[in-house]
N, C-alpha and C. Protein backbone atom coordinates (compact mmCIF):
# COMPACT_ATOMS: atom_id res chain seq x y z
N UNK A 1 11.82 -27.13 -39.17
CA UNK A 1 11.77 -26.17 -38.07
C UNK A 1 13.04 -26.29 -37.25
N UNK A 2 13.75 -25.17 -37.02
CA UNK A 2 14.95 -25.24 -36.20
C UNK A 2 14.58 -25.16 -34.72
N UNK A 3 15.58 -25.25 -33.84
CA UNK A 3 15.32 -25.27 -32.40
C UNK A 3 14.62 -24.00 -31.92
N UNK A 4 14.97 -22.85 -32.47
CA UNK A 4 14.36 -21.59 -32.04
C UNK A 4 12.87 -21.54 -32.37
N UNK A 5 12.50 -21.96 -33.57
CA UNK A 5 11.09 -21.89 -33.95
C UNK A 5 10.26 -22.93 -33.21
N UNK A 6 10.83 -24.06 -32.87
CA UNK A 6 10.06 -25.05 -32.11
C UNK A 6 9.81 -24.57 -30.69
N UNK A 7 10.73 -23.76 -30.15
CA UNK A 7 10.52 -23.22 -28.82
C UNK A 7 9.45 -22.14 -28.82
N UNK A 8 9.24 -21.51 -29.96
CA UNK A 8 8.28 -20.41 -30.02
C UNK A 8 6.87 -20.88 -30.35
N UNK A 9 6.71 -22.03 -30.90
CA UNK A 9 5.37 -22.52 -31.24
C UNK A 9 5.17 -23.87 -30.59
N UNK A 10 4.35 -23.92 -29.55
CA UNK A 10 4.07 -25.17 -28.86
C UNK A 10 3.11 -26.02 -29.66
N UNK A 11 2.93 -27.25 -29.26
CA UNK A 11 2.06 -28.17 -29.99
C UNK A 11 0.59 -27.75 -29.93
N UNK A 12 0.22 -26.94 -28.94
CA UNK A 12 -1.17 -26.51 -28.83
C UNK A 12 -1.41 -25.16 -29.52
N UNK A 13 -0.41 -24.66 -30.25
CA UNK A 13 -0.57 -23.43 -31.00
C UNK A 13 -0.34 -22.16 -30.19
N UNK A 14 0.11 -22.29 -28.96
CA UNK A 14 0.37 -21.12 -28.13
C UNK A 14 1.87 -20.84 -28.17
N UNK A 15 2.23 -19.60 -28.45
CA UNK A 15 3.65 -19.26 -28.51
C UNK A 15 4.20 -19.10 -27.11
N UNK A 16 5.47 -19.41 -26.97
CA UNK A 16 6.17 -19.29 -25.71
C UNK A 16 7.08 -18.08 -25.82
N UNK A 17 6.95 -17.13 -24.91
CA UNK A 17 7.73 -15.90 -24.96
C UNK A 17 8.83 -15.92 -23.91
N UNK A 18 9.94 -15.33 -24.25
CA UNK A 18 11.01 -15.18 -23.28
C UNK A 18 11.14 -13.70 -22.95
N UNK A 19 11.91 -13.39 -21.92
CA UNK A 19 12.06 -12.01 -21.49
C UNK A 19 11.42 -11.80 -20.13
N UNK A 20 11.07 -10.57 -19.84
CA UNK A 20 10.47 -10.25 -18.55
C UNK A 20 9.13 -10.95 -18.40
N UNK A 21 8.91 -11.72 -17.32
CA UNK A 21 7.66 -12.46 -17.18
C UNK A 21 6.47 -11.54 -16.88
N UNK A 22 5.31 -11.97 -17.28
CA UNK A 22 4.09 -11.25 -17.01
C UNK A 22 3.66 -11.58 -15.58
N UNK A 23 3.61 -10.60 -14.66
CA UNK A 23 3.26 -10.90 -13.27
C UNK A 23 1.83 -11.40 -13.11
N UNK A 24 0.97 -11.14 -14.07
CA UNK A 24 -0.41 -11.61 -13.98
C UNK A 24 -0.50 -13.12 -14.13
N UNK A 25 0.50 -13.73 -14.74
CA UNK A 25 0.47 -15.18 -14.92
C UNK A 25 0.57 -15.93 -13.60
N UNK A 26 1.05 -15.27 -12.55
CA UNK A 26 1.11 -15.90 -11.22
C UNK A 26 -0.28 -16.25 -10.72
N UNK A 27 -1.31 -15.59 -11.24
CA UNK A 27 -2.66 -15.74 -10.73
C UNK A 27 -3.59 -16.48 -11.70
N UNK A 28 -3.03 -17.12 -12.72
CA UNK A 28 -3.88 -17.84 -13.67
C UNK A 28 -4.73 -18.88 -12.96
N UNK A 29 -5.98 -18.91 -13.26
CA UNK A 29 -6.89 -19.89 -12.66
C UNK A 29 -7.36 -19.49 -11.28
N UNK A 30 -6.95 -18.35 -10.77
CA UNK A 30 -7.36 -17.89 -9.46
C UNK A 30 -8.33 -16.72 -9.62
N UNK A 31 -8.61 -16.04 -8.55
CA UNK A 31 -9.50 -14.89 -8.61
C UNK A 31 -8.94 -13.88 -9.62
N UNK A 32 -9.78 -13.02 -10.16
CA UNK A 32 -9.34 -12.13 -11.23
C UNK A 32 -8.46 -10.97 -10.78
N UNK A 33 -7.77 -11.09 -9.65
CA UNK A 33 -6.86 -10.05 -9.19
C UNK A 33 -5.47 -10.30 -9.74
N UNK A 34 -4.78 -9.24 -10.05
CA UNK A 34 -3.40 -9.36 -10.51
C UNK A 34 -2.48 -9.55 -9.31
N UNK A 35 -1.35 -10.16 -9.53
CA UNK A 35 -0.40 -10.40 -8.46
C UNK A 35 0.18 -9.09 -7.92
N UNK A 36 0.17 -8.03 -8.70
CA UNK A 36 0.73 -6.75 -8.28
C UNK A 36 -0.36 -5.78 -7.83
N UNK A 37 -1.39 -6.25 -7.23
CA UNK A 37 -2.49 -5.42 -6.76
C UNK A 37 -2.08 -4.73 -5.46
N UNK A 38 -1.87 -3.41 -5.50
CA UNK A 38 -1.44 -2.68 -4.32
C UNK A 38 -2.50 -2.69 -3.22
N UNK A 39 -3.75 -2.77 -3.57
CA UNK A 39 -4.79 -2.88 -2.54
C UNK A 39 -4.60 -4.14 -1.71
N UNK A 40 -4.23 -5.21 -2.36
CA UNK A 40 -4.01 -6.47 -1.65
C UNK A 40 -2.81 -6.38 -0.72
N UNK A 41 -1.79 -5.62 -1.11
CA UNK A 41 -0.57 -5.50 -0.32
C UNK A 41 -0.73 -4.49 0.81
N UNK A 42 -1.36 -3.35 0.54
CA UNK A 42 -1.38 -2.23 1.48
C UNK A 42 -2.66 -2.09 2.31
N UNK A 43 -3.76 -2.65 1.83
CA UNK A 43 -5.04 -2.46 2.51
C UNK A 43 -5.53 -3.80 3.05
N UNK A 44 -5.41 -3.97 4.37
CA UNK A 44 -5.82 -5.23 5.00
C UNK A 44 -7.33 -5.26 5.29
N UNK A 45 -7.90 -4.11 5.61
CA UNK A 45 -9.33 -3.99 5.96
C UNK A 45 -9.94 -2.87 5.13
N UNK A 46 -10.44 -3.15 3.94
CA UNK A 46 -10.96 -2.09 3.07
C UNK A 46 -12.06 -1.24 3.71
N UNK A 47 -12.91 -1.83 4.51
CA UNK A 47 -14.03 -1.08 5.08
C UNK A 47 -13.60 -0.10 6.17
N UNK A 48 -12.37 -0.24 6.69
CA UNK A 48 -11.91 0.68 7.73
C UNK A 48 -10.64 1.42 7.34
N UNK A 49 -10.33 1.47 6.03
CA UNK A 49 -9.09 2.09 5.56
C UNK A 49 -9.40 3.38 4.82
N UNK A 50 -8.60 4.40 5.11
CA UNK A 50 -8.75 5.72 4.50
C UNK A 50 -7.40 6.18 3.98
N UNK A 51 -7.43 7.02 2.93
CA UNK A 51 -6.21 7.59 2.36
C UNK A 51 -6.22 9.09 2.59
N UNK A 52 -5.08 9.63 3.02
CA UNK A 52 -4.93 11.05 3.28
C UNK A 52 -3.66 11.54 2.59
N UNK A 53 -3.70 12.75 2.07
CA UNK A 53 -2.48 13.40 1.59
C UNK A 53 -1.81 14.08 2.78
N UNK A 54 -0.51 13.91 2.88
CA UNK A 54 0.27 14.54 3.94
C UNK A 54 0.59 15.97 3.51
N UNK A 55 0.41 16.91 4.42
CA UNK A 55 0.79 18.31 4.17
C UNK A 55 1.77 18.72 5.26
N UNK A 56 2.93 19.17 4.85
CA UNK A 56 3.92 19.63 5.80
C UNK A 56 5.12 18.70 5.89
N UNK A 57 6.09 19.13 6.68
CA UNK A 57 7.36 18.42 6.78
C UNK A 57 7.66 17.91 8.19
N UNK A 58 6.67 17.89 9.05
CA UNK A 58 6.86 17.52 10.45
C UNK A 58 7.48 16.13 10.62
N UNK A 59 7.13 15.18 9.75
CA UNK A 59 7.58 13.80 9.91
C UNK A 59 8.64 13.40 8.88
N UNK A 60 9.32 14.38 8.29
CA UNK A 60 10.32 14.05 7.28
C UNK A 60 11.47 13.21 7.84
N UNK A 61 11.77 13.35 9.14
CA UNK A 61 12.82 12.52 9.74
C UNK A 61 12.41 11.05 9.82
N UNK A 62 11.12 10.77 9.67
CA UNK A 62 10.61 9.40 9.66
C UNK A 62 10.35 8.90 8.24
N UNK A 63 10.74 9.70 7.23
CA UNK A 63 10.54 9.31 5.84
C UNK A 63 9.18 9.68 5.28
N UNK A 64 8.41 10.46 6.01
CA UNK A 64 7.08 10.90 5.56
C UNK A 64 7.23 12.32 5.05
N UNK A 65 6.96 12.51 3.75
CA UNK A 65 7.20 13.79 3.10
C UNK A 65 5.89 14.49 2.74
N UNK A 66 6.00 15.79 2.54
CA UNK A 66 4.87 16.59 2.06
C UNK A 66 4.38 16.02 0.73
N UNK A 67 3.09 15.77 0.61
CA UNK A 67 2.51 15.21 -0.61
C UNK A 67 2.39 13.70 -0.61
N UNK A 68 2.98 13.01 0.35
CA UNK A 68 2.84 11.55 0.43
C UNK A 68 1.39 11.19 0.72
N UNK A 69 1.05 9.95 0.47
CA UNK A 69 -0.28 9.44 0.78
C UNK A 69 -0.17 8.52 1.99
N UNK A 70 -0.92 8.86 3.03
CA UNK A 70 -0.94 8.04 4.24
C UNK A 70 -2.11 7.07 4.16
N UNK A 71 -1.85 5.82 4.48
CA UNK A 71 -2.91 4.82 4.57
C UNK A 71 -3.21 4.64 6.05
N UNK A 72 -4.44 4.97 6.41
CA UNK A 72 -4.88 4.95 7.80
C UNK A 72 -5.90 3.83 7.97
N UNK A 73 -5.66 2.97 8.95
CA UNK A 73 -6.58 1.87 9.24
C UNK A 73 -7.23 2.11 10.59
N UNK A 74 -8.54 2.31 10.55
CA UNK A 74 -9.28 2.55 11.80
C UNK A 74 -9.57 1.26 12.55
N UNK A 75 -9.34 0.12 11.93
CA UNK A 75 -9.61 -1.16 12.56
C UNK A 75 -8.46 -1.70 13.40
N UNK A 76 -7.32 -1.05 13.34
CA UNK A 76 -6.16 -1.50 14.12
C UNK A 76 -6.20 -0.93 15.53
N UNK A 77 -5.74 -1.71 16.48
CA UNK A 77 -5.60 -1.23 17.85
C UNK A 77 -4.24 -0.54 17.97
N UNK A 78 -4.21 0.73 18.35
CA UNK A 78 -2.92 1.42 18.43
C UNK A 78 -2.09 0.95 19.61
N UNK A 79 -0.79 0.86 19.39
CA UNK A 79 0.19 0.56 20.43
C UNK A 79 0.96 1.85 20.71
N UNK A 80 1.64 1.93 21.84
CA UNK A 80 2.33 3.18 22.19
C UNK A 80 3.30 3.71 21.13
N UNK A 81 3.97 2.83 20.39
CA UNK A 81 4.95 3.28 19.41
C UNK A 81 4.35 3.55 18.03
N UNK A 82 3.06 3.28 17.83
CA UNK A 82 2.41 3.49 16.53
C UNK A 82 2.22 4.98 16.25
N UNK A 83 2.31 5.31 14.96
CA UNK A 83 1.88 6.63 14.51
C UNK A 83 0.38 6.55 14.30
N UNK A 84 -0.33 7.51 14.85
CA UNK A 84 -1.78 7.52 14.75
C UNK A 84 -2.24 8.88 14.23
N UNK A 85 -3.46 8.92 13.74
CA UNK A 85 -4.08 10.20 13.37
C UNK A 85 -5.08 10.57 14.45
N UNK A 86 -5.12 11.85 14.74
CA UNK A 86 -6.10 12.37 15.69
C UNK A 86 -6.72 13.62 15.09
N UNK A 87 -7.87 14.00 15.61
CA UNK A 87 -8.55 15.22 15.19
C UNK A 87 -8.25 16.29 16.22
N UNK A 88 -7.49 17.32 15.80
CA UNK A 88 -7.12 18.40 16.71
C UNK A 88 -7.15 19.73 15.95
N UNK A 89 -7.78 20.72 16.53
CA UNK A 89 -7.85 22.06 15.92
C UNK A 89 -8.39 22.03 14.50
N UNK A 90 -9.47 21.28 14.30
CA UNK A 90 -10.15 21.18 13.00
C UNK A 90 -9.29 20.57 11.90
N UNK A 91 -8.31 19.76 12.26
CA UNK A 91 -7.45 19.07 11.29
C UNK A 91 -7.09 17.69 11.81
N UNK A 92 -6.84 16.81 10.86
CA UNK A 92 -6.23 15.54 11.23
C UNK A 92 -4.73 15.77 11.32
N UNK A 93 -4.12 15.26 12.36
CA UNK A 93 -2.67 15.33 12.50
C UNK A 93 -2.14 13.95 12.86
N UNK A 94 -0.85 13.77 12.64
CA UNK A 94 -0.18 12.52 12.97
C UNK A 94 0.62 12.74 14.25
N UNK A 95 0.56 11.78 15.13
CA UNK A 95 1.41 11.81 16.33
C UNK A 95 1.61 10.38 16.82
N UNK A 96 2.51 10.20 17.74
CA UNK A 96 2.71 8.88 18.35
C UNK A 96 1.60 8.66 19.37
N UNK A 97 1.15 7.45 19.44
CA UNK A 97 0.09 7.10 20.40
C UNK A 97 0.48 7.49 21.82
N UNK A 98 1.72 7.27 22.18
CA UNK A 98 2.15 7.56 23.56
C UNK A 98 2.20 9.06 23.86
N UNK A 99 2.13 9.91 22.83
CA UNK A 99 2.19 11.35 23.04
C UNK A 99 0.82 12.03 22.98
N UNK A 100 -0.25 11.25 22.99
CA UNK A 100 -1.58 11.86 22.98
C UNK A 100 -1.80 12.66 24.26
N UNK A 101 -2.48 13.77 24.11
CA UNK A 101 -2.80 14.59 25.27
C UNK A 101 -4.01 13.98 25.99
N UNK A 102 -4.22 14.39 27.22
CA UNK A 102 -5.35 13.88 28.02
C UNK A 102 -6.65 14.14 27.27
N UNK A 103 -7.47 13.12 27.19
CA UNK A 103 -8.76 13.23 26.53
C UNK A 103 -8.74 12.97 25.03
N UNK A 104 -7.57 12.87 24.43
CA UNK A 104 -7.48 12.60 23.00
C UNK A 104 -7.47 11.09 22.75
N UNK A 105 -8.11 10.69 21.69
CA UNK A 105 -8.08 9.28 21.28
C UNK A 105 -7.68 9.21 19.82
N UNK A 106 -7.04 8.13 19.48
CA UNK A 106 -6.61 7.92 18.10
C UNK A 106 -7.82 7.73 17.20
N UNK A 107 -7.81 8.38 16.06
CA UNK A 107 -8.87 8.20 15.06
C UNK A 107 -8.55 6.98 14.21
N UNK A 108 -7.27 6.74 13.95
CA UNK A 108 -6.83 5.61 13.14
C UNK A 108 -5.33 5.43 13.26
N UNK A 109 -4.85 4.29 12.81
CA UNK A 109 -3.42 3.96 12.87
C UNK A 109 -2.83 4.07 11.46
N UNK A 110 -1.70 4.75 11.35
CA UNK A 110 -1.01 4.87 10.08
C UNK A 110 -0.37 3.51 9.77
N UNK A 111 -0.82 2.88 8.70
CA UNK A 111 -0.31 1.54 8.39
C UNK A 111 0.70 1.52 7.25
N UNK A 112 0.69 2.56 6.39
CA UNK A 112 1.64 2.61 5.27
C UNK A 112 1.69 4.03 4.72
N UNK A 113 2.77 4.30 4.02
CA UNK A 113 2.96 5.58 3.33
C UNK A 113 3.30 5.27 1.88
N UNK A 114 2.68 6.00 0.97
CA UNK A 114 3.00 5.90 -0.45
C UNK A 114 3.73 7.18 -0.82
N UNK A 115 4.95 7.03 -1.29
CA UNK A 115 5.76 8.18 -1.68
C UNK A 115 6.00 8.11 -3.18
N UNK A 116 5.55 9.13 -3.90
CA UNK A 116 5.74 9.18 -5.35
C UNK A 116 6.94 10.05 -5.65
N UNK A 117 7.83 9.58 -6.53
CA UNK A 117 9.03 10.32 -6.88
C UNK A 117 8.79 11.33 -7.99
N UNK A 118 7.76 11.14 -8.78
CA UNK A 118 7.46 12.10 -9.86
C UNK A 118 6.03 12.53 -9.76
């Protein structure tokens, strides 16, 4: 057996692969979640998190585009600079917490945006 073949076949019969690593191997022996689980990265409170499709171009200067997916967390306490969703004129809209009109309350806090390129 030359050096290359010995590197490919370990003593326990498991082959060793080179190249791009499998990200799931980071979690071997742990809970059955993959290391690249977007829910784990983007959703901190599953029971209070909602997903909305963005319609319109009002927030394009902030990087929020028509068709993006907004992740809204109702469990977060809004701060004045946060983008929040409110219910106005039979629609959910996004605005800054500090710009709410009298009597309006935030329905949830925008915690992330998912933008798909294709």
